[in-house]
Amino acid sequence: MGILEEAAGAFAAVEGVNKLAPNAGILTEGVAAIAGFEGTKEITQLIDKKEEEKSDSNG
């Protein structure tokens, strides 16, 4: 996983917050960015784990 994917997750989370709460403050946007960054990392790790399990069961 690269920094580009994590940055995209952070950006998407901030944009989502801005759509739901247009007057959101910088603190709210910061929390959303961190959540998007960490969420993307966790999802990528889950996908990698599932792919490893699938390849182990096939081999």
C-alpha atoms as a PDB file:
ATOM      1  CA  MET A   1       0.000   0.000   0.000  1.00  0.00           C
ATOM      2  CA  GLY A   2       1.305   3.395  -0.871  1.00  0.00           C
ATOM      3  CA  ILE A   3       0.955   6.852   0.531  1.00  0.00           C
ATOM      4  CA  LEU A   4      -1.166   7.786  -2.476  1.00  0.00           C
ATOM      5  CA  GLU A   5      -3.923   5.346  -1.452  1.00  0.00           C
ATOM      6  CA  GLU A   6      -3.832   6.560   2.153  1.00  0.00           C
ATOM      7  CA  ALA A   7      -3.952  10.197   1.030  1.00  0.00           C
ATOM      8  CA  ALA A   8      -6.919   9.411  -1.222  1.00  0.00           C
ATOM      9  CA  GLY A   9      -8.739   7.874   1.755  1.00  0.00           C
ATOM     10  CA  ALA A  10      -8.039  10.949   3.857  1.00  0.00           C
ATOM     11  CA  PHE A  11      -9.197  13.263   1.074  1.00  0.00           C
ATOM     12  CA  ALA A  12     -12.396  11.291   0.547  1.00  0.00           C
ATOM     13  CA  ALA A  13     -13.182  11.406   4.265  1.00  0.00           C
ATOM     14  CA  VAL A  14     -12.671  15.183   4.415  1.00  0.00           C
ATOM     15  CA  GLU A  15     -14.847  15.687   1.346  1.00  0.00           C
ATOM     16  CA  GLY A  16     -17.534  13.522   2.934  1.00  0.00           C
ATOM     17  CA  VAL A  17     -17.479  15.640   6.078  1.00  0.00           C
ATOM     18  CA  ASN A  18     -17.731  18.813   4.007  1.00  0.00           C
ATOM     19  CA  LYS A  19     -20.772  17.441   2.174  1.00  0.00           C
ATOM     20  CA  LEU A  20     -22.513  16.455   5.413  1.00  0.00           C
ATOM     21  CA  ALA A  21     -21.488  19.510   7.436  1.00  0.00           C
ATOM     22  CA  PRO A  22     -20.457  22.423   5.209  1.00  0.00           C
ATOM     23  CA  ASN A  23     -19.561  24.559   8.237  1.00  0.00           C
ATOM     24  CA  ALA A  24     -17.303  21.930   9.795  1.00  0.00           C
ATOM     25  CA  GLY A  25     -14.259  23.303  11.533  1.00  0.00           C
ATOM     26  CA  ILE A  26     -10.629  22.475  10.985  1.00  0.00           C
ATOM     27  CA  LEU A  27     -10.625  20.075  13.940  1.00  0.00           C
ATOM     28  CA  THR A  28     -13.494  18.057  12.462  1.00  0.00           C
ATOM     29  CA  GLU A  29     -11.771  17.941   9.092  1.00  0.00           C
ATOM     30  CA  GLY A  30      -8.533  16.854  10.749  1.00  0.00           C
ATOM     31  CA  VAL A  31     -10.236  14.010  12.576  1.00  0.00           C
ATOM     32  CA  ALA A  32     -11.920  12.935   9.329  1.00  0.00           C
ATOM     33  CA  ALA A  33      -8.576  12.972   7.515  1.00  0.00           C
ATOM     34  CA  ILE A  34      -6.965  10.771  10.176  1.00  0.00           C
ATOM     35  CA  ALA A  35      -9.927   8.394  10.127  1.00  0.00           C
ATOM     36  CA  GLY A  36      -9.810   8.144   6.331  1.00  0.00           C
ATOM     37  CA  PHE A  37      -6.055   7.582   6.365  1.00  0.00           C
ATOM     38  CA  GLU A  38      -6.230   4.843   9.014  1.00  0.00           C
ATOM     39  CA  GLY A  39      -9.380   3.304   7.540  1.00  0.00           C
ATOM     40  CA  THR A  40      -7.759   2.924   4.142  1.00  0.00           C
ATOM     41  CA  LYS A  41      -4.755   1.255   5.754  1.00  0.00           C
ATOM     42  CA  GLU A  42      -6.940  -1.225   7.652  1.00  0.00           C
ATOM     43  CA  ILE A  43      -9.058  -2.083   4.617  1.00  0.00           C
ATOM     44  CA  THR A  44      -5.953  -2.672   2.500  1.00  0.00           C
ATOM     45  CA  GLN A  45      -4.492  -4.957   5.166  1.00  0.00           C
ATOM     46  CA  LEU A  46      -7.761  -6.909   5.311  1.00  0.00           C
ATOM     47  CA  ILE A  47      -7.794  -7.357   1.547  1.00  0.00           C
ATOM     48  CA  ASP A  48      -4.166  -8.509   1.577  1.00  0.00           C
ATOM     49  CA  LYS A  49      -4.920 -11.005   4.343  1.00  0.00           C
ATOM     50  CA  LYS A  50      -7.915 -12.416   2.438  1.00  0.00           C
ATOM     51  CA  GLU A  51      -5.807 -12.767  -0.715  1.00  0.00           C
ATOM     52  CA  GLU A  52      -3.111 -14.635   1.242  1.00  0.00           C
ATOM     53  CA  GLU A  53      -5.699 -16.970   2.756  1.00  0.00           C
ATOM     54  CA  LYS A  54      -7.169 -17.617  -0.672  1.00  0.00           C
ATOM     55  CA  SER A  55      -3.787 -18.396  -2.206  1.00  0.00           C
ATOM     56  CA  ASP A  56      -2.894 -20.667   0.742  1.00  0.00           C
ATOM     57  CA  SER A  57      -6.113 -22.640   0.349  1.00  0.00           C
ATOM     58  CA  ASN A  58      -5.597 -23.006  -3.405  1.00  0.00           C
ATOM     59  CA  GLY A  59      -1.970 -24.115  -3.155  1.00  0.00           C
END
